Protein backbone atom coordinates (compact mmCIF):
# COMPACT_ATOMS: atom_id res chain seq x y z
CA MET A 1 2.63 14.55 1.92
CA LEU A 2 6.87 14.84 2.41
CA PRO A 3 8.14 17.90 1.02
CA PRO A 4 9.89 17.88 -2.64
CA SER A 5 13.52 18.03 -0.82
CA TYR A 6 12.43 14.28 0.47
CA ALA A 7 11.04 12.18 -1.39
CA LEU A 8 13.96 10.62 -3.05
CA PRO A 9 14.90 9.13 -0.04
CA PHE A 10 11.52 8.05 0.49
CA ALA A 11 11.09 7.12 -2.40
CA ILE A 12 13.66 4.81 -1.98
CA LEU A 13 12.05 3.09 0.93
CA LEU A 14 9.28 2.29 -0.34
CA VAL A 15 11.69 0.32 -3.08
CA LEU A 16 12.97 -1.57 -0.35
CA GLY A 17 10.10 -2.38 2.16
CA GLY A 18 7.99 -3.00 -0.65
CA ALA A 19 10.57 -5.62 -2.22
CA LEU A 20 10.94 -7.01 1.64
CA SER A 21 7.08 -7.20 1.42
CA CYS A 22 6.04 -8.53 -2.21
CA PHE A 23 8.98 -11.58 -2.26
CA ALA A 24 8.90 -12.02 1.48
CA GLY A 25 5.27 -10.79 3.80
CA TYR A 26 4.69 -13.72 5.06
CA ARG A 27 7.66 -14.85 6.66
CA LEU A 28 8.32 -11.16 8.04
CA LEU A 29 4.73 -10.15 8.50
CA LYS A 30 6.17 -8.56 11.69
CA ILE A 31 8.34 -6.40 9.71
CA VAL A 32 5.84 -5.54 7.28
CA LEU A 33 3.27 -4.87 9.51
CA ALA A 34 5.32 -2.60 10.93
CA LEU A 35 6.56 -1.00 7.58
CA TYR A 36 2.98 0.34 6.09
CA GLY A 37 1.77 0.80 9.89
CA PHE A 38 4.61 3.33 9.82
CA VAL A 39 3.21 4.51 5.96
CA LEU A 40 -0.50 4.01 6.58
CA GLY A 41 0.95 6.30 9.91
CA ALA A 42 2.66 9.79 8.48
CA MET A 43 0.26 9.51 5.63
CA MET A 44 -2.46 10.22 7.41
CA ALA A 45 -0.36 12.76 10.48
CA SER A 46 1.25 14.90 7.55
CA SER A 47 -1.70 15.31 5.61
CA VAL A 48 -3.35 17.22 8.32
CA MET A 49 -0.43 19.76 8.82
CA GLY A 50 -0.08 22.66 5.50
CA VAL A 51 2.13 22.06 2.79
CA SER A 52 3.76 25.48 3.67
CA ASN A 53 4.84 24.23 6.91
CA SER A 54 7.07 21.25 6.39
CA VAL A 55 8.77 20.98 9.57
CA GLY A 56 5.80 20.07 10.90
CA MET A 57 4.59 17.86 8.63
CA ILE A 58 7.81 15.46 9.17
CA VAL A 59 6.97 15.74 12.51
CA ALA A 60 3.72 14.13 12.14
CA ALA A 61 4.67 11.95 9.40
CA VAL A 62 7.50 10.60 12.21
CA VAL A 63 5.30 10.72 15.10
CA GLY A 64 1.89 8.97 12.72
CA GLY A 65 4.47 6.46 11.46
CA LEU A 66 5.04 5.21 14.65
CA VAL A 67 1.84 5.29 16.15
CA GLY A 68 0.55 3.65 13.23
CA SER A 69 3.39 0.49 13.82
CA LEU A 70 2.76 0.25 17.21
CA VAL A 71 -0.13 -0.13 16.37
CA PHE A 72 -0.56 -2.65 13.29
CA VAL A 73 2.64 -5.10 14.78
CA PHE A 74 1.23 -4.86 18.44
CA ALA A 75 -2.69 -5.40 16.77
CA TYR A 76 -1.27 -7.67 14.44
CA PHE A 77 -4.77 -10.03 14.70
CA ILE A 78 -5.76 -6.40 14.06
CA GLY A 79 -3.70 -5.68 11.40
CA ILE A 80 -4.64 -9.05 9.77
CA ALA A 81 -8.07 -8.23 9.89
CA LEU A 82 -6.57 -4.75 7.99
CA ILE A 83 -5.04 -6.12 5.51
CA GLY A 84 -8.33 -8.12 4.88
CA ALA A 85 -10.50 -4.86 4.91
CA GLY A 86 -7.78 -3.42 2.74
CA LEU A 87 -8.48 -5.46 0.10
CA GLY A 88 -11.79 -6.57 -0.05
CA ALA A 89 -12.35 -2.82 -0.52
CA LEU A 90 -10.07 -3.54 -3.16
CA VAL A 91 -11.86 -5.66 -4.99
CA ALA A 92 -14.80 -3.95 -4.81
CA ASN A 93 -13.78 -0.71 -6.42
CA LEU A 94 -11.48 -2.58 -9.32
CA ILE A 95 -15.62 -4.43 -9.64
CA TRP A 96 -17.13 -0.73 -9.56
CA SER A 97 -15.20 1.21 -11.70
CA GLY A 98 -15.26 -2.31 -14.39
CA VAL A 99 -19.28 -2.06 -13.67
CA ARG A 100 -19.34 2.03 -14.17
CA ALA A 101 -17.69 5.11 -13.76
CA GLY A 102 -17.73 7.13 -11.14
CA GLU A 103 -16.95 6.70 -7.07
CA VAL A 104 -17.58 3.28 -5.18
CA PRO A 105 -19.98 3.49 -2.68
CA TRP A 106 -20.23 3.95 0.65
CA GLN A 107 -22.39 0.95 1.35
CA PHE A 108 -20.26 -1.62 -1.66
CA ALA A 109 -16.97 -0.78 -0.08
CA VAL A 110 -17.46 -1.10 3.71
CA VAL A 111 -19.46 -4.64 3.26
CA ALA A 112 -16.35 -5.32 0.77
CA ALA A 113 -13.67 -4.71 3.59
CA ILE A 114 -15.97 -7.03 6.21
CA VAL A 115 -16.33 -10.58 3.72
CA GLY A 116 -12.45 -9.39 3.68
CA ALA A 117 -11.64 -9.07 7.19
CA ILE A 118 -13.46 -12.01 8.54
CA THR A 119 -11.89 -14.26 5.01
CA SER A 120 -8.36 -12.73 6.09
CA MET A 121 -8.96 -14.29 9.24
CA VAL A 122 -10.34 -17.46 8.05
CA LEU A 123 -7.17 -18.35 4.98
CA GLN A 124 -4.68 -15.51 6.94
CA ARG A 125 -1.61 -17.66 5.24
CA TYR A 126 -2.84 -17.46 1.83
CA VAL A 127 -4.47 -13.81 2.16
CA ILE A 128 -1.38 -12.88 3.99
CA ILE A 129 0.83 -13.75 0.94
CA VAL A 130 -1.73 -12.18 -1.76
CA SER A 131 -2.35 -9.34 -0.10
CA THR A 132 1.53 -8.01 1.32
CA ALA A 133 3.12 -9.02 -2.27
CA PHE A 134 0.21 -7.22 -3.91
CA SER A 135 0.99 -4.52 -1.01
CA GLY A 136 3.97 -5.03 -1.69
CA SER A 137 4.42 -5.21 -5.68
CA TRP A 138 2.57 -1.13 -5.68
CA THR A 139 4.57 0.32 -3.03
CA LEU A 140 7.26 -1.05 -5.04
CA ILE A 141 6.27 0.47 -8.33
CA ILE A 142 5.14 4.21 -6.90
CA GLY A 143 8.73 4.02 -5.30
CA ALA A 144 10.94 2.66 -8.66
CA ILE A 145 8.94 5.29 -10.37
CA THR A 146 9.57 7.98 -8.46
CA VAL A 147 13.24 7.20 -7.94
CA ALA A 148 13.11 7.17 -11.97
CA ALA A 149 10.81 10.49 -12.08
CA ASP A 150 8.67 9.23 -14.56
CA ARG A 151 7.47 12.66 -14.80
CA THR A 152 3.82 11.96 -16.36
CA VAL A 153 2.70 9.72 -13.68
CA VAL A 154 5.11 11.92 -11.04
CA ARG A 155 3.04 15.68 -12.24
CA ALA A 156 0.24 12.98 -12.37
CA ALA A 157 0.63 12.23 -8.47
CA SER A 158 2.37 15.41 -7.11
CA GLY A 159 -1.51 16.46 -8.39
CA ALA A 160 -4.83 17.45 -6.88
CA ASP A 161 -4.00 13.85 -4.95
CA ALA A 162 -1.29 14.09 -2.39
CA TRP A 163 -0.62 10.78 -2.36
CA VAL A 164 -0.91 7.81 -5.68
CA PHE A 165 -1.65 4.56 -4.06
CA TYR A 166 -4.54 3.19 -6.37
CA PRO A 167 -3.82 0.68 -9.07
CA VAL A 168 -7.13 1.75 -11.03
CA SER A 169 -6.56 4.77 -11.64
CA PRO A 170 -3.85 5.69 -12.82
CA ALA A 171 -1.88 8.39 -14.13
CA PRO A 172 -3.02 8.74 -18.12
CA GLY A 173 -0.32 7.28 -20.33
CA GLY A 174 0.06 5.13 -17.83
CA ARG A 175 -1.35 1.59 -18.58
CA TRP A 176 1.54 -0.41 -17.95
CA VAL A 177 1.07 0.62 -14.44
CA SER A 178 -1.28 -1.81 -13.35
CA VAL A 179 0.01 -3.74 -15.47
CA ALA A 180 3.43 -3.83 -14.17
CA TRP A 181 0.99 -4.07 -10.41
CA VAL A 182 0.06 -7.32 -11.66
CA VAL A 183 2.38 -9.04 -12.86
CA VAL A 184 5.51 -7.75 -10.12
CA GLY A 185 2.29 -9.05 -7.54
CA LEU A 186 1.81 -12.37 -9.55
CA ILE A 187 5.44 -13.42 -9.19
CA GLY A 188 5.80 -12.29 -5.64
CA THR A 189 3.15 -14.32 -4.64
CA GLY A 190 4.47 -17.23 -7.16
CA VAL A 191 7.92 -16.69 -4.54
CA GLN A 192 6.18 -16.64 -1.69
CA LEU A 193 4.46 -20.10 -1.76
CA ALA A 194 7.59 -21.55 -3.16
CA ILE A 195 10.49 -20.31 -2.00
CA THR A 196 9.81 -17.57 1.68
CA SER A 197 5.87 -18.99 3.19
CA LYS A 198 8.01 -22.20 3.67
CA LYS A 199 8.21 -22.37 7.69
CA LYS A 200 12.29 -23.56 7.95
């Protein structure tokens, strides 16, 4: 989690990166992988530092982000498999939250992630389009919420969890966020299938 003074520039980056991923993720896959690798690496590295150590958090976020970008770009097939695994874990979370409350059992999440990784390798084009559209949609919405400073959602995001990247558990009063995520994700999927994923 970055210090509050850096929240707005980072939110603008999330909006731009999310829009790029949502509407042109297949065409610009290496750029999208680099962006998501950076975000994931920055999240993991900065979470190790103490909240009071702003400089340490920023340095850790930049270094972790660069490492994440390199890993995602140079390990293209691993990146594709990770996208599928993440999508599988998301589907497991959606299914589990519709059936019962509480955390998804790790065994179910692992199996779903493995199935997602295998599926993503077999059906690369479509999995890339759908996953970049929906992950871009979520990134775009989180960034837009922060830029617009929706107090309800931002307060929930800065409360117990440093990062709120889970569309299936929105903030209280923020159910519209999940609906917007699905709508924008479907639009992004349609745009990519019809326009931006076509070969020149």
